[in-house]
Amino acid sequence: MSRRARFDINIPAEQMLAYYQGIAREVSVMSYDGRRIEFPADKLRPFMDHQGVRGVFELEFDDQHRFVALHRIE
């Protein structure tokens, strides 16, 4: 069974560079339902553009809280 968490992200390109270079390895966000969610920063790479990463995302994880997928909703 998969579990999901939705959240907003607004990471400017300059800050995203630290993630891209491996200086920062984890992203920590607050989901809409109040949970603190952490996941590997490299999962955001497909969503990065010249402005950074922005939007509403949904993180899918398994029963052991391991990453399954990340989707941009808006």
C-alpha atoms as a PDB file:
ATOM      1  CA  MET A   1       0.000   0.000   0.000  1.00  0.00           C
ATOM      2  CA  SER A   2       1.352   3.414  -0.962  1.00  0.00           C
ATOM      3  CA  ARG A   3       1.003   6.471   1.176  1.00  0.00           C
ATOM      4  CA  ARG A   4       1.017  10.057  -0.043  1.00  0.00           C
ATOM      5  CA  ALA A   5       1.834  13.530   1.203  1.00  0.00           C
ATOM      6  CA  ARG A   6       1.167  16.837  -0.598  1.00  0.00           C
ATOM      7  CA  PHE A   7       3.187  19.995  -0.089  1.00  0.00           C
ATOM      8  CA  ASP A   8       4.355  23.235  -1.713  1.00  0.00           C
ATOM      9  CA  ILE A   9       7.939  23.790  -2.765  1.00  0.00           C
ATOM     10  CA  ASN A  10       9.544  27.096  -3.661  1.00  0.00           C
ATOM     11  CA  ILE A  11      13.309  26.649  -3.922  1.00  0.00           C
ATOM     12  CA  PRO A  12      15.145  29.361  -5.902  1.00  0.00           C
ATOM     13  CA  ALA A  13      17.733  28.280  -8.481  1.00  0.00           C
ATOM     14  CA  GLU A  14      20.642  29.484  -6.302  1.00  0.00           C
ATOM     15  CA  GLN A  15      19.542  27.269  -3.418  1.00  0.00           C
ATOM     16  CA  MET A  16      18.755  24.357  -5.749  1.00  0.00           C
ATOM     17  CA  LEU A  17      22.364  24.499  -6.912  1.00  0.00           C
ATOM     18  CA  ALA A  18      23.496  23.320  -3.453  1.00  0.00           C
ATOM     19  CA  TYR A  19      21.222  20.297  -3.816  1.00  0.00           C
ATOM     20  CA  TYR A  20      22.358  19.679  -7.376  1.00  0.00           C
ATOM     21  CA  GLN A  21      26.027  19.781  -6.374  1.00  0.00           C
ATOM     22  CA  GLY A  22      25.431  17.348  -3.520  1.00  0.00           C
ATOM     23  CA  ILE A  23      26.225  19.894  -0.791  1.00  0.00           C
ATOM     24  CA  ALA A  24      22.722  19.418   0.607  1.00  0.00           C
ATOM     25  CA  ARG A  25      21.397  15.883   0.313  1.00  0.00           C
ATOM     26  CA  GLU A  26      17.938  16.006   1.889  1.00  0.00           C
ATOM     27  CA  VAL A  27      14.916  18.248   1.387  1.00  0.00           C
ATOM     28  CA  SER A  28      12.631  18.821   4.350  1.00  0.00           C
ATOM     29  CA  VAL A  29       9.076  20.086   3.802  1.00  0.00           C
ATOM     30  CA  MET A  30       5.863  20.396   5.788  1.00  0.00           C
ATOM     31  CA  SER A  31       2.949  18.526   4.200  1.00  0.00           C
ATOM     32  CA  TYR A  32      -0.537  20.007   4.045  1.00  0.00           C
ATOM     33  CA  ASP A  33      -1.611  17.692   6.854  1.00  0.00           C
ATOM     34  CA  GLY A  34       1.196  18.874   9.156  1.00  0.00           C
ATOM     35  CA  ARG A  35       3.744  16.071   8.748  1.00  0.00           C
ATOM     36  CA  ARG A  36       7.437  16.862   8.395  1.00  0.00           C
ATOM     37  CA  ILE A  37       8.614  15.011   5.271  1.00  0.00           C
ATOM     38  CA  GLU A  38      12.250  14.468   4.276  1.00  0.00           C
ATOM     39  CA  PHE A  39      13.401  12.965   0.993  1.00  0.00           C
ATOM     40  CA  PRO A  40      16.548  12.853  -1.164  1.00  0.00           C
ATOM     41  CA  ALA A  41      17.189  16.163  -2.914  1.00  0.00           C
ATOM     42  CA  ASP A  42      18.115  14.460  -6.172  1.00  0.00           C
ATOM     43  CA  LYS A  43      14.435  13.499  -6.605  1.00  0.00           C
ATOM     44  CA  LEU A  44      13.757  17.170  -7.474  1.00  0.00           C
ATOM     45  CA  ARG A  45      16.176  17.286 -10.420  1.00  0.00           C
ATOM     46  CA  PRO A  46      13.553  16.403 -13.078  1.00  0.00           C
ATOM     47  CA  PHE A  47      11.454  19.374 -11.921  1.00  0.00           C
ATOM     48  CA  MET A  48      14.216  22.004 -11.880  1.00  0.00           C
ATOM     49  CA  ASP A  49      14.194  24.870 -14.363  1.00  0.00           C
ATOM     50  CA  HIS A  50      16.036  28.207 -14.596  1.00  0.00           C
ATOM     51  CA  GLN A  51      13.967  29.590 -11.692  1.00  0.00           C
ATOM     52  CA  GLY A  52      14.554  26.597  -9.404  1.00  0.00           C
ATOM     53  CA  VAL A  53      11.754  24.285  -8.277  1.00  0.00           C
ATOM     54  CA  ARG A  54       8.266  25.595  -7.593  1.00  0.00           C
ATOM     55  CA  GLY A  55       4.840  24.051  -7.336  1.00  0.00           C
ATOM     56  CA  VAL A  56       2.575  21.675  -5.503  1.00  0.00           C
ATOM     57  CA  PHE A  57       3.983  18.165  -5.244  1.00  0.00           C
ATOM     58  CA  GLU A  58       2.825  14.792  -4.042  1.00  0.00           C
ATOM     59  CA  LEU A  59       5.316  12.369  -2.552  1.00  0.00           C
ATOM     60  CA  GLU A  60       4.439   8.700  -2.615  1.00  0.00           C
ATOM     61  CA  PHE A  61       6.109   6.374  -0.099  1.00  0.00           C
ATOM     62  CA  ASP A  62       5.687   2.790   1.072  1.00  0.00           C
ATOM     63  CA  ASP A  63       4.713   1.355   4.457  1.00  0.00           C
ATOM     64  CA  GLN A  64       8.370   1.510   5.572  1.00  0.00           C
ATOM     65  CA  HIS A  65       8.434   5.230   4.661  1.00  0.00           C
ATOM     66  CA  ARG A  66      10.743   4.645   1.686  1.00  0.00           C
ATOM     67  CA  PHE A  67      10.506   6.841  -1.386  1.00  0.00           C
ATOM     68  CA  VAL A  68       8.306   5.498  -4.204  1.00  0.00           C
ATOM     69  CA  ALA A  69       7.639   8.488  -6.487  1.00  0.00           C
ATOM     70  CA  LEU A  70       7.370  12.273  -6.655  1.00  0.00           C
ATOM     71  CA  HIS A  71       4.758  14.002  -8.822  1.00  0.00           C
ATOM     72  CA  ARG A  72       4.159  17.676  -9.601  1.00  0.00           C
ATOM     73  CA  ILE A  73       0.436  18.373  -9.109  1.00  0.00           C
ATOM     74  CA  GLU A  74       0.406  22.080 -10.027  1.00  0.00           C
END
